[in-house]
Amino acid sequence: MTEKQKKKIFSSFDEKKAFKQLKITKLSRWDIEAQPVQPSEFFHQRLARLTSRFNLKYSEKAKELLIDAICEEGLEGFKNLIFWKGAALESDELTGNVDYLLTENKDYLEAPFLCVVEAKKDDFEKGLAQCMVEMQACQWNNQQLGKNIDIFGIVTNGEGWKFYKLTVAGIVYETLLYSISNLSGILGILHDLFQQCESAIIPQEE
């Protein structure tokens, strides 16, 4: 058996196994105080077209169209960041593909890894399990570079959004569920998280 075959696949984790993998028993409450960000007119037009031309509730793939649009809007103004979709990610113990992986804006995939997004049709429990172990894999890769930073995670079905943070100390924070009806609130949180992500990589450019 090869070394890669011995690694645990992200999608094989349930919530209990993920907690044990991260050696935690509880999540800590995370109250993010972020200023709301109003969506642009371009976003409103794009969303109107998407909802009129696609059924955005049928499957995870369909919901990703909505998630793409919201993540794209949230990244507006952050030219140093880029999302990779379906990116391969592994650590010394874990392996798999991430729905969305946020990194420094380069033409190739390279740590430090800053944020992961798990797109789920409705199974937030399964999404949390995968998000947690993916954040741990990001943290491991960053530590190999001597980069000890907090890792952010998001679990969403497009209409509901939960935000997570894995700290350097190994604590996992979780927000309440945010509804797309509060889109400016979601965009405000994304803006705040992406700002922290960008701050983590800017010193490397100096």
N, C-alpha and C. Protein backbone atom coordinates (compact mmCIF):
# COMPACT_ATOMS: atom_id res chain seq x y z
N MET A 1 0.85 -1.21 0.00
CA MET A 1 0.00 0.00 0.00
C MET A 1 0.88 1.25 0.00
N THR A 2 0.57 2.17 -0.87
CA THR A 2 1.38 3.38 -0.94
C THR A 2 1.03 4.33 0.19
N GLU A 3 1.90 5.33 0.37
CA GLU A 3 1.68 6.32 1.43
C GLU A 3 0.39 7.08 1.20
N LYS A 4 0.09 7.38 -0.08
CA LYS A 4 -1.11 8.15 -0.37
C LYS A 4 -2.37 7.35 -0.04
N GLN A 5 -2.34 6.03 -0.29
CA GLN A 5 -3.50 5.19 -0.02
C GLN A 5 -3.81 5.09 1.47
N LYS A 6 -2.80 5.29 2.29
CA LYS A 6 -2.99 5.21 3.73
C LYS A 6 -3.66 6.47 4.29
N LYS A 7 -3.65 7.52 3.51
CA LYS A 7 -4.22 8.77 3.99
C LYS A 7 -5.75 8.72 3.99
N LYS A 8 -6.34 9.46 4.91
CA LYS A 8 -7.79 9.48 5.04
C LYS A 8 -8.38 10.53 4.09
N ILE A 9 -9.43 10.15 3.39
CA ILE A 9 -10.05 11.03 2.40
C ILE A 9 -11.04 11.95 3.09
N PHE A 10 -11.03 13.23 2.70
CA PHE A 10 -11.91 14.22 3.32
C PHE A 10 -13.37 13.75 3.38
N SER A 11 -13.85 13.21 2.26
CA SER A 11 -15.26 12.84 2.17
C SER A 11 -15.63 11.63 3.02
N SER A 12 -14.63 10.94 3.59
CA SER A 12 -14.91 9.77 4.42
C SER A 12 -15.25 10.14 5.86
N PHE A 13 -15.11 11.41 6.20
CA PHE A 13 -15.31 11.84 7.58
C PHE A 13 -16.76 12.17 7.87
N ASP A 14 -17.23 11.69 9.02
CA ASP A 14 -18.47 12.22 9.58
C ASP A 14 -18.09 13.18 10.69
N GLU A 15 -19.08 13.77 11.35
CA GLU A 15 -18.80 14.80 12.34
C GLU A 15 -17.94 14.28 13.49
N LYS A 16 -18.28 13.10 14.01
CA LYS A 16 -17.55 12.53 15.14
C LYS A 16 -16.09 12.27 14.78
N LYS A 17 -15.86 11.67 13.61
CA LYS A 17 -14.49 11.39 13.18
C LYS A 17 -13.69 12.67 12.98
N ALA A 18 -14.35 13.71 12.47
CA ALA A 18 -13.67 14.99 12.25
C ALA A 18 -13.26 15.62 13.58
N PHE A 19 -14.15 15.58 14.56
CA PHE A 19 -13.81 16.11 15.88
C PHE A 19 -12.59 15.38 16.45
N LYS A 20 -12.58 14.06 16.32
CA LYS A 20 -11.46 13.28 16.85
C LYS A 20 -10.18 13.56 16.08
N GLN A 21 -10.30 13.76 14.77
CA GLN A 21 -9.13 14.07 13.95
C GLN A 21 -8.47 15.37 14.40
N LEU A 22 -9.29 16.36 14.76
CA LEU A 22 -8.77 17.65 15.21
C LEU A 22 -8.51 17.68 16.71
N LYS A 23 -8.83 16.56 17.37
CA LYS A 23 -8.60 16.43 18.83
C LYS A 23 -9.36 17.51 19.61
N ILE A 24 -10.62 17.71 19.23
CA ILE A 24 -11.48 18.65 19.96
C ILE A 24 -12.79 17.94 20.30
N THR A 25 -13.50 18.47 21.26
CA THR A 25 -14.80 17.90 21.64
C THR A 25 -15.94 18.88 21.44
N LYS A 26 -15.62 20.16 21.26
CA LYS A 26 -16.64 21.19 21.11
C LYS A 26 -16.19 22.26 20.12
N LEU A 27 -17.18 22.94 19.55
CA LEU A 27 -16.92 24.14 18.76
C LEU A 27 -17.19 25.35 19.63
N SER A 28 -16.42 26.40 19.42
CA SER A 28 -16.60 27.64 20.18
C SER A 28 -17.47 28.61 19.38
N ARG A 29 -18.33 29.32 20.07
CA ARG A 29 -19.23 30.29 19.42
C ARG A 29 -18.42 31.45 18.85
N TRP A 30 -18.74 31.84 17.63
CA TRP A 30 -18.02 32.92 16.95
C TRP A 30 -19.03 33.99 16.53
N ASP A 31 -18.94 35.13 17.15
CA ASP A 31 -19.78 36.27 16.79
C ASP A 31 -18.93 37.26 16.01
N ILE A 32 -19.16 37.35 14.72
CA ILE A 32 -18.39 38.25 13.86
C ILE A 32 -19.08 39.60 13.77
N GLU A 33 -18.37 40.63 14.13
CA GLU A 33 -18.91 41.98 14.02
C GLU A 33 -18.35 42.63 12.75
N ALA A 34 -19.04 42.40 11.66
CA ALA A 34 -18.59 42.92 10.37
C ALA A 34 -19.61 43.92 9.83
N GLN A 35 -19.10 44.95 9.19
CA GLN A 35 -19.98 45.94 8.58
C GLN A 35 -20.64 45.35 7.33
N PRO A 36 -21.95 45.49 7.18
CA PRO A 36 -22.62 44.98 5.98
C PRO A 36 -22.05 45.62 4.71
N VAL A 37 -21.99 44.84 3.66
CA VAL A 37 -21.53 45.33 2.35
C VAL A 37 -22.67 45.13 1.35
N GLN A 38 -23.11 46.21 0.75
CA GLN A 38 -24.22 46.12 -0.20
C GLN A 38 -23.74 45.51 -1.52
N PRO A 39 -24.49 44.57 -2.07
CA PRO A 39 -24.11 43.97 -3.35
C PRO A 39 -24.16 45.00 -4.48
N SER A 40 -23.30 44.82 -5.45
CA SER A 40 -23.22 45.75 -6.57
C SER A 40 -24.40 45.54 -7.52
N GLU A 41 -24.60 46.50 -8.38
CA GLU A 41 -25.65 46.39 -9.39
C GLU A 41 -25.35 45.22 -10.34
N PHE A 42 -24.06 45.03 -10.63
CA PHE A 42 -23.65 43.90 -11.48
C PHE A 42 -24.09 42.58 -10.86
N PHE A 43 -23.91 42.45 -9.53
CA PHE A 43 -24.31 41.22 -8.85
C PHE A 43 -25.82 41.01 -8.96
N HIS A 44 -26.59 42.07 -8.72
CA HIS A 44 -28.05 41.96 -8.82
C HIS A 44 -28.47 41.47 -10.21
N GLN A 45 -27.82 42.01 -11.24
CA GLN A 45 -28.15 41.62 -12.61
C GLN A 45 -27.76 40.17 -12.87
N ARG A 46 -26.59 39.79 -12.37
CA ARG A 46 -26.13 38.41 -12.57
C ARG A 46 -27.05 37.42 -11.85
N LEU A 47 -27.43 37.76 -10.61
CA LEU A 47 -28.30 36.89 -9.83
C LEU A 47 -29.66 36.73 -10.50
N ALA A 48 -30.17 37.82 -11.04
CA ALA A 48 -31.46 37.77 -11.73
C ALA A 48 -31.39 36.85 -12.94
N ARG A 49 -30.29 36.92 -13.68
CA ARG A 49 -30.13 36.05 -14.84
C ARG A 49 -29.99 34.59 -14.43
N LEU A 50 -29.20 34.34 -13.38
CA LEU A 50 -29.01 32.96 -12.92
C LEU A 50 -30.33 32.34 -12.49
N THR A 51 -31.09 33.08 -11.69
CA THR A 51 -32.33 32.52 -11.16
C THR A 51 -33.40 32.35 -12.23
N SER A 52 -33.29 33.12 -13.31
CA SER A 52 -34.28 32.99 -14.39
C SER A 52 -33.90 31.91 -15.40
N ARG A 53 -32.63 31.52 -15.42
CA ARG A 53 -32.17 30.57 -16.43
C ARG A 53 -31.75 29.21 -15.87
N PHE A 54 -31.52 29.14 -14.56
CA PHE A 54 -31.09 27.88 -13.94
C PHE A 54 -31.95 27.57 -12.72
N ASN A 55 -32.23 26.28 -12.51
CA ASN A 55 -32.81 25.85 -11.24
C ASN A 55 -31.66 25.71 -10.26
N LEU A 56 -31.59 26.61 -9.29
CA LEU A 56 -30.45 26.66 -8.38
C LEU A 56 -30.64 25.81 -7.12
N LYS A 57 -31.70 25.01 -7.08
CA LYS A 57 -31.97 24.21 -5.88
C LYS A 57 -31.85 22.71 -6.12
N TYR A 58 -31.67 22.30 -7.36
CA TYR A 58 -31.78 20.88 -7.71
C TYR A 58 -30.64 20.03 -7.16
N SER A 59 -29.41 20.52 -7.21
CA SER A 59 -28.25 19.70 -6.84
C SER A 59 -27.14 20.59 -6.31
N GLU A 60 -26.07 19.94 -5.80
CA GLU A 60 -24.92 20.71 -5.34
C GLU A 60 -24.30 21.50 -6.49
N LYS A 61 -24.23 20.88 -7.66
CA LYS A 61 -23.66 21.57 -8.82
C LYS A 61 -24.47 22.81 -9.17
N ALA A 62 -25.78 22.70 -9.07
CA ALA A 62 -26.63 23.85 -9.36
C ALA A 62 -26.42 24.95 -8.32
N LYS A 63 -26.33 24.56 -7.07
CA LYS A 63 -26.14 25.53 -6.00
C LYS A 63 -24.78 26.23 -6.11
N GLU A 64 -23.80 25.55 -6.71
CA GLU A 64 -22.48 26.16 -6.87
C GLU A 64 -22.53 27.40 -7.75
N LEU A 65 -23.48 27.47 -8.66
CA LEU A 65 -23.62 28.68 -9.49
C LEU A 65 -23.90 29.90 -8.61
N LEU A 66 -24.76 29.71 -7.62
CA LEU A 66 -25.08 30.79 -6.69
C LEU A 66 -23.89 31.09 -5.78
N ILE A 67 -23.23 30.03 -5.31
CA ILE A 67 -22.06 30.19 -4.44
C ILE A 67 -20.93 30.90 -5.19
N ASP A 68 -20.73 30.52 -6.45
CA ASP A 68 -19.72 31.19 -7.29
C ASP A 68 -19.97 32.69 -7.32
N ALA A 69 -21.22 33.06 -7.58
CA ALA A 69 -21.56 34.48 -7.73
C ALA A 69 -21.32 35.24 -6.43
N ILE A 70 -21.69 34.64 -5.30
CA ILE A 70 -21.53 35.33 -4.01
C ILE A 70 -20.05 35.42 -3.63
N CYS A 71 -19.29 34.34 -3.84
CA CYS A 71 -17.86 34.38 -3.54
C CYS A 71 -17.14 35.39 -4.44
N GLU A 72 -17.54 35.43 -5.70
CA GLU A 72 -16.95 36.40 -6.64
C GLU A 72 -17.22 37.82 -6.17
N GLU A 73 -18.45 38.08 -5.75
CA GLU A 73 -18.80 39.41 -5.26
C GLU A 73 -18.02 39.73 -3.99
N GLY A 74 -17.87 38.74 -3.11
CA GLY A 74 -17.13 38.95 -1.87
C GLY A 74 -15.66 39.25 -2.09
N LEU A 75 -15.10 38.69 -3.17
CA LEU A 75 -13.67 38.89 -3.47
C LEU A 75 -13.38 40.21 -4.18
N GLU A 76 -14.42 40.94 -4.55
CA GLU A 76 -14.21 42.20 -5.27
C GLU A 76 -13.30 43.12 -4.45
N GLY A 77 -12.23 43.57 -5.10
CA GLY A 77 -11.28 44.47 -4.44
C GLY A 77 -10.08 43.77 -3.84
N PHE A 78 -10.11 42.43 -3.79
CA PHE A 78 -8.98 41.68 -3.22
C PHE A 78 -8.18 41.04 -4.36
N LYS A 79 -7.33 41.83 -4.98
CA LYS A 79 -6.61 41.38 -6.17
C LYS A 79 -5.50 40.38 -5.86
N ASN A 80 -5.14 40.27 -4.59
CA ASN A 80 -4.08 39.33 -4.21
C ASN A 80 -4.60 37.93 -3.91
N LEU A 81 -5.92 37.73 -4.02
CA LEU A 81 -6.52 36.45 -3.67
C LEU A 81 -7.23 35.82 -4.87
N ILE A 82 -7.28 34.47 -4.86
CA ILE A 82 -7.98 33.76 -5.93
C ILE A 82 -8.53 32.44 -5.38
N PHE A 83 -9.70 32.05 -5.89
CA PHE A 83 -10.29 30.76 -5.53
C PHE A 83 -9.93 29.71 -6.57
N TRP A 84 -9.59 28.51 -6.08
CA TRP A 84 -9.40 27.34 -6.93
C TRP A 84 -10.57 26.40 -6.67
N LYS A 85 -11.23 25.94 -7.72
CA LYS A 85 -12.36 25.03 -7.56
C LYS A 85 -11.91 23.59 -7.82
N GLY A 86 -12.32 22.70 -6.89
CA GLY A 86 -11.96 21.29 -7.04
C GLY A 86 -10.49 21.01 -6.87
N ALA A 87 -9.80 21.86 -6.12
CA ALA A 87 -8.35 21.74 -5.96
C ALA A 87 -7.98 20.51 -5.14
N ALA A 88 -6.91 19.82 -5.55
CA ALA A 88 -6.37 18.71 -4.78
C ALA A 88 -5.61 19.26 -3.58
N LEU A 89 -5.83 18.65 -2.43
CA LEU A 89 -5.18 19.10 -1.20
C LEU A 89 -4.84 17.88 -0.37
N GLU A 90 -3.63 17.84 0.18
CA GLU A 90 -3.29 16.75 1.08
C GLU A 90 -2.30 17.20 2.13
N SER A 91 -2.26 16.42 3.21
CA SER A 91 -1.31 16.66 4.29
C SER A 91 -0.64 15.33 4.60
N ASP A 92 0.01 15.24 5.74
CA ASP A 92 0.65 13.98 6.10
C ASP A 92 -0.36 12.88 6.39
N GLU A 93 -1.61 13.25 6.72
CA GLU A 93 -2.62 12.26 7.09
C GLU A 93 -3.87 12.29 6.22
N LEU A 94 -4.08 13.38 5.50
CA LEU A 94 -5.36 13.62 4.82
C LEU A 94 -5.16 13.88 3.33
N THR A 95 -6.19 13.58 2.55
CA THR A 95 -6.13 13.85 1.12
C THR A 95 -7.54 13.98 0.55
N GLY A 96 -7.63 14.67 -0.57
CA GLY A 96 -8.93 14.83 -1.23
C GLY A 96 -8.97 16.08 -2.07
N ASN A 97 -10.16 16.43 -2.50
CA ASN A 97 -10.37 17.63 -3.29
C ASN A 97 -11.31 18.58 -2.56
N VAL A 98 -11.01 19.87 -2.66
CA VAL A 98 -11.75 20.90 -1.95
C VAL A 98 -12.66 21.62 -2.95
N ASP A 99 -13.90 21.85 -2.57
CA ASP A 99 -14.83 22.54 -3.48
C ASP A 99 -14.27 23.90 -3.89
N TYR A 100 -13.82 24.68 -2.90
CA TYR A 100 -13.22 25.99 -3.16
C TYR A 100 -12.04 26.15 -2.20
N LEU A 101 -10.89 26.56 -2.73
CA LEU A 101 -9.70 26.77 -1.91
C LEU A 101 -9.12 28.15 -2.23
N LEU A 102 -9.01 28.99 -1.21
CA LEU A 102 -8.53 30.37 -1.39
C LEU A 102 -7.03 30.44 -1.13
N THR A 103 -6.31 31.03 -2.08
CA THR A 103 -4.86 31.17 -1.97
C THR A 103 -4.44 32.55 -2.48
N GLU A 104 -3.13 32.77 -2.42
CA GLU A 104 -2.58 33.96 -3.06
C GLU A 104 -2.80 33.85 -4.57
N ASN A 105 -3.04 34.98 -5.23
CA ASN A 105 -3.35 35.00 -6.65
C ASN A 105 -2.10 34.73 -7.49
N LYS A 106 -1.95 33.47 -7.88
CA LYS A 106 -0.86 33.03 -8.76
C LYS A 106 -1.46 32.13 -9.83
N ASP A 107 -0.65 31.83 -10.85
CA ASP A 107 -1.12 30.94 -11.91
C ASP A 107 -0.92 29.47 -11.56
N TYR A 108 -0.43 29.19 -10.37
CA TYR A 108 -0.25 27.81 -9.92
C TYR A 108 -0.67 27.72 -8.46
N LEU A 109 -1.06 26.52 -8.06
CA LEU A 109 -1.57 26.30 -6.70
C LEU A 109 -0.41 26.08 -5.74
N GLU A 110 -0.39 26.89 -4.68
CA GLU A 110 0.70 26.81 -3.72
C GLU A 110 0.25 27.37 -2.37
N ALA A 111 0.72 26.73 -1.28
CA ALA A 111 0.49 27.27 0.06
C ALA A 111 1.20 28.62 0.19
N PRO A 112 0.75 29.50 1.08
CA PRO A 112 -0.21 29.24 2.15
C PRO A 112 -1.65 29.17 1.65
N PHE A 113 -2.39 28.24 2.25
CA PHE A 113 -3.82 28.09 1.99
C PHE A 113 -4.59 28.84 3.07
N LEU A 114 -5.59 29.58 2.66
CA LEU A 114 -6.20 30.58 3.55
C LEU A 114 -7.63 30.28 3.97
N CYS A 115 -8.42 29.71 3.06
CA CYS A 115 -9.84 29.50 3.36
C CYS A 115 -10.37 28.38 2.47
N VAL A 116 -11.25 27.55 3.02
CA VAL A 116 -11.91 26.51 2.23
C VAL A 116 -13.42 26.75 2.28
N VAL A 117 -14.09 26.35 1.20
CA VAL A 117 -15.55 26.44 1.15
C VAL A 117 -16.09 25.08 0.75
N GLU A 118 -17.01 24.55 1.54
CA GLU A 118 -17.69 23.30 1.24
C GLU A 118 -19.11 23.61 0.77
N ALA A 119 -19.41 23.20 -0.44
CA ALA A 119 -20.74 23.40 -1.01
C ALA A 119 -21.56 22.13 -0.81
N LYS A 120 -22.65 22.23 -0.08
CA LYS A 120 -23.50 21.07 0.17
C LYS A 120 -24.93 21.40 -0.22
N LYS A 121 -25.64 20.39 -0.74
CA LYS A 121 -27.03 20.63 -1.13
C LYS A 121 -27.84 21.04 0.09
N ASP A 122 -27.74 20.28 1.17
CA ASP A 122 -28.43 20.65 2.41
C ASP A 122 -27.76 20.06 3.65
N ASP A 123 -26.83 19.12 3.48
CA ASP A 123 -26.24 18.38 4.60
C ASP A 123 -25.12 19.19 5.25
N PHE A 124 -25.49 20.07 6.16
CA PHE A 124 -24.50 20.93 6.81
C PHE A 124 -23.61 20.13 7.76
N GLU A 125 -24.12 19.04 8.33
CA GLU A 125 -23.31 18.22 9.24
C GLU A 125 -22.16 17.58 8.49
N LYS A 126 -22.43 17.01 7.33
CA LYS A 126 -21.38 16.43 6.49
C LYS A 126 -20.44 17.53 6.00
N GLY A 127 -21.00 18.66 5.65
CA GLY A 127 -20.17 19.79 5.21
C GLY A 127 -19.22 20.24 6.29
N LEU A 128 -19.70 20.29 7.53
CA LEU A 128 -18.84 20.68 8.65
C LEU A 128 -17.70 19.69 8.82
N ALA A 129 -17.98 18.40 8.75
CA ALA A 129 -16.94 17.38 8.92
C ALA A 129 -15.84 17.56 7.89
N GLN A 130 -16.23 17.74 6.62
CA GLN A 130 -15.23 17.92 5.58
C GLN A 130 -14.49 19.24 5.73
N CYS A 131 -15.21 20.28 6.07
CA CYS A 131 -14.60 21.60 6.24
C CYS A 131 -13.53 21.56 7.33
N MET A 132 -13.82 20.89 8.44
CA MET A 132 -12.87 20.83 9.55
C MET A 132 -11.57 20.15 9.16
N VAL A 133 -11.66 18.99 8.51
CA VAL A 133 -10.43 18.27 8.16
C VAL A 133 -9.69 18.98 7.03
N GLU A 134 -10.42 19.66 6.16
CA GLU A 134 -9.76 20.44 5.11
C GLU A 134 -9.01 21.62 5.71
N MET A 135 -9.59 22.27 6.71
CA MET A 135 -8.89 23.36 7.39
C MET A 135 -7.62 22.84 8.05
N GLN A 136 -7.71 21.64 8.64
CA GLN A 136 -6.52 21.07 9.28
C GLN A 136 -5.43 20.78 8.25
N ALA A 137 -5.83 20.28 7.07
CA ALA A 137 -4.85 20.01 6.01
C ALA A 137 -4.20 21.31 5.54
N CYS A 138 -4.98 22.37 5.44
CA CYS A 138 -4.43 23.69 5.08
C CYS A 138 -3.41 24.13 6.13
N GLN A 139 -3.78 23.98 7.38
CA GLN A 139 -2.91 24.40 8.48
C GLN A 139 -1.59 23.64 8.44
N TRP A 140 -1.66 22.33 8.19
CA TRP A 140 -0.44 21.52 8.12
C TRP A 140 0.48 22.02 7.00
N ASN A 141 -0.09 22.25 5.82
CA ASN A 141 0.72 22.74 4.69
C ASN A 141 1.37 24.08 5.02
N ASN A 142 0.61 24.96 5.65
CA ASN A 142 1.15 26.27 6.00
C ASN A 142 2.28 26.15 7.01
N GLN A 143 2.13 25.24 7.95
CA GLN A 143 3.15 25.05 8.98
C GLN A 143 4.45 24.54 8.39
N GLN A 144 4.37 23.80 7.29
CA GLN A 144 5.60 23.34 6.62
C GLN A 144 6.41 24.51 6.07
N LEU A 145 5.72 25.63 5.85
CA LEU A 145 6.39 26.84 5.37
C LEU A 145 6.77 27.77 6.52
N GLY A 146 6.47 27.33 7.75
CA GLY A 146 6.69 28.20 8.91
C GLY A 146 5.65 29.29 9.02
N LYS A 147 4.51 29.07 8.36
CA LYS A 147 3.43 30.06 8.34
C LYS A 147 2.32 29.62 9.29
N ASN A 148 2.31 30.16 10.48
CA ASN A 148 1.29 29.82 11.47
C ASN A 148 0.21 30.90 11.48
N ILE A 149 -0.88 30.61 10.80
CA ILE A 149 -1.98 31.57 10.68
C ILE A 149 -3.30 30.84 10.89
N ASP A 150 -4.33 31.60 11.25
CA ASP A 150 -5.67 31.03 11.36
C ASP A 150 -6.18 30.65 9.97
N ILE A 151 -6.96 29.56 9.92
CA ILE A 151 -7.56 29.11 8.66
C ILE A 151 -9.07 29.32 8.75
N PHE A 152 -9.65 29.83 7.69
CA PHE A 152 -11.09 30.05 7.66
C PHE A 152 -11.80 28.98 6.84
N GLY A 153 -13.04 28.71 7.20
CA GLY A 153 -13.84 27.73 6.48
C GLY A 153 -15.27 28.22 6.35
N ILE A 154 -15.93 27.77 5.30
CA ILE A 154 -17.33 28.13 5.05
C ILE A 154 -18.07 26.87 4.61
N VAL A 155 -19.24 26.66 5.15
CA VAL A 155 -20.13 25.60 4.69
C VAL A 155 -21.42 26.26 4.23
N THR A 156 -21.84 25.97 3.01
CA THR A 156 -23.00 26.66 2.46
C THR A 156 -23.74 25.81 1.44
N ASN A 157 -25.03 26.04 1.35
CA ASN A 157 -25.83 25.48 0.25
C ASN A 157 -26.27 26.60 -0.68
N GLY A 158 -25.62 27.75 -0.55
CA GLY A 158 -25.96 28.91 -1.37
C GLY A 158 -26.96 29.82 -0.69
N GLU A 159 -27.93 29.24 -0.01
CA GLU A 159 -28.96 30.03 0.66
C GLU A 159 -28.67 30.23 2.14
N GLY A 160 -27.97 29.28 2.76
CA GLY A 160 -27.55 29.40 4.15
C GLY A 160 -26.03 29.32 4.23
N TRP A 161 -25.43 30.13 5.10
CA TRP A 161 -23.98 30.22 5.20
C TRP A 161 -23.54 30.13 6.66
N LYS A 162 -22.57 29.23 6.95
CA LYS A 162 -21.96 29.16 8.28
C LYS A 162 -20.46 29.34 8.11
N PHE A 163 -19.86 30.08 9.02
CA PHE A 163 -18.45 30.44 8.92
C PHE A 163 -17.67 29.82 10.08
N TYR A 164 -16.44 29.39 9.76
CA TYR A 164 -15.61 28.69 10.74
C TYR A 164 -14.20 29.27 10.74
N LYS A 165 -13.52 29.06 11.86
CA LYS A 165 -12.12 29.48 11.98
C LYS A 165 -11.37 28.44 12.80
N LEU A 166 -10.28 27.93 12.25
CA LEU A 166 -9.36 27.05 12.98
C LEU A 166 -8.16 27.89 13.37
N THR A 167 -7.99 28.10 14.67
CA THR A 167 -6.91 28.95 15.15
C THR A 167 -5.60 28.19 15.23
N VAL A 168 -4.53 28.94 15.38
CA VAL A 168 -3.20 28.34 15.56
C VAL A 168 -3.18 27.44 16.79
N ALA A 169 -3.98 27.78 17.79
CA ALA A 169 -4.05 26.99 19.02
C ALA A 169 -4.90 25.74 18.87
N GLY A 170 -5.52 25.54 17.71
CA GLY A 170 -6.32 24.34 17.48
C GLY A 170 -7.77 24.45 17.88
N ILE A 171 -8.24 25.66 18.19
CA ILE A 171 -9.64 25.88 18.55
C ILE A 171 -10.44 26.13 17.27
N VAL A 172 -11.63 25.54 17.18
CA VAL A 172 -12.49 25.76 16.02
C VAL A 172 -13.69 26.61 16.45
N TYR A 173 -13.87 27.73 15.77
CA TYR A 173 -14.98 28.64 16.04
C TYR A 173 -16.04 28.48 14.96
N GLU A 174 -17.31 28.65 15.36
CA GLU A 174 -18.44 28.50 14.44
C GLU A 174 -19.44 29.63 14.65
N THR A 175 -19.93 30.20 13.55
CA THR A 175 -20.98 31.22 13.64
C THR A 175 -22.35 30.56 13.60
N LEU A 176 -23.37 31.35 13.83
CA LEU A 176 -24.73 30.93 13.57
C LEU A 176 -24.94 30.87 12.05
N LEU A 177 -26.07 30.34 11.63
CA LEU A 177 -26.39 30.26 10.21
C LEU A 177 -26.88 31.62 9.70
N TYR A 178 -26.27 32.08 8.61
CA TYR A 178 -26.69 33.34 7.97
C TYR A 178 -27.49 33.01 6.71
N SER A 179 -28.63 33.67 6.56
CA SER A 179 -29.49 33.43 5.41
C SER A 179 -29.16 34.40 4.28
N ILE A 180 -29.37 33.94 3.06
CA ILE A 180 -29.13 34.79 1.89
C ILE A 180 -30.07 35.99 1.89
N SER A 181 -31.14 35.92 2.68
CA SER A 181 -32.01 37.09 2.81
C SER A 181 -31.27 38.25 3.45
N ASN A 182 -30.18 37.94 4.16
CA ASN A 182 -29.29 38.96 4.73
C ASN A 182 -27.99 38.97 3.93
N LEU A 183 -28.13 39.16 2.62
CA LEU A 183 -26.97 39.08 1.73
C LEU A 183 -25.89 40.09 2.07
N SER A 184 -26.28 41.30 2.44
CA SER A 184 -25.28 42.32 2.79
C SER A 184 -24.49 41.89 4.02
N GLY A 185 -25.13 41.15 4.94
CA GLY A 185 -24.43 40.64 6.10
C GLY A 185 -23.42 39.57 5.72
N ILE A 186 -23.82 38.67 4.82
CA ILE A 186 -22.90 37.62 4.34
C ILE A 186 -21.72 38.25 3.62
N LEU A 187 -21.98 39.21 2.74
CA LEU A 187 -20.90 39.88 2.01
C LEU A 187 -19.98 40.64 2.96
N GLY A 188 -20.54 41.20 4.02
CA GLY A 188 -19.73 41.89 5.02
C GLY A 188 -18.78 40.94 5.72
N ILE A 189 -19.27 39.75 6.06
CA ILE A 189 -18.42 38.75 6.71
C ILE A 189 -17.35 38.26 5.75
N LEU A 190 -17.74 37.98 4.51
CA LEU A 190 -16.76 37.56 3.51
C LEU A 190 -15.67 38.62 3.35
N HIS A 191 -16.08 39.87 3.28
CA HIS A 191 -15.12 40.97 3.15
C HIS A 191 -14.15 40.98 4.33
N ASP A 192 -14.67 40.77 5.53
CA ASP A 192 -13.83 40.76 6.73
C ASP A 192 -12.85 39.59 6.71
N LEU A 193 -13.33 38.40 6.35
CA LEU A 193 -12.46 37.22 6.31
C LEU A 193 -11.40 37.36 5.23
N PHE A 194 -11.81 37.82 4.05
CA PHE A 194 -10.85 37.96 2.95
C PHE A 194 -9.81 39.03 3.26
N GLN A 195 -10.20 40.04 4.00
CA GLN A 195 -9.26 41.07 4.42
C GLN A 195 -8.18 40.46 5.32
N GLN A 196 -8.61 39.59 6.24
CA GLN A 196 -7.64 38.91 7.11
C GLN A 196 -6.76 37.96 6.31
N CYS A 197 -7.34 37.28 5.33
CA CYS A 197 -6.56 36.38 4.48
C CYS A 197 -5.50 37.15 3.70
N GLU A 198 -5.89 38.28 3.14
CA GLU A 198 -4.95 39.08 2.36
C GLU A 198 -3.84 39.63 3.25
N SER A 199 -4.18 40.02 4.46
CA SER A 199 -3.17 40.53 5.40
C SER A 199 -2.15 39.46 5.74
N ALA A 200 -2.57 38.19 5.70
CA ALA A 200 -1.67 37.09 6.05
C ALA A 200 -0.62 36.84 4.98
N ILE A 201 -0.89 37.24 3.74
CA ILE A 201 0.06 36.98 2.66
C ILE A 201 0.82 38.21 2.19
N ILE A 202 0.30 39.41 2.44
CA ILE A 202 0.95 40.62 1.97
C ILE A 202 2.39 40.77 2.47
N PRO A 203 2.71 40.43 3.73
CA PRO A 203 4.09 40.56 4.19
C PRO A 203 5.09 39.77 3.35
N GLN A 204 4.63 38.68 2.69
CA GLN A 204 5.52 37.89 1.86
C GLN A 204 5.98 38.65 0.63
N GLU A 205 5.23 39.66 0.25
CA GLU A 205 5.54 40.40 -0.97
C GLU A 205 6.51 41.54 -0.72
N GLU A 206 6.80 41.81 0.54
CA GLU A 206 7.65 42.96 0.85
C GLU A 206 9.12 42.60 0.67
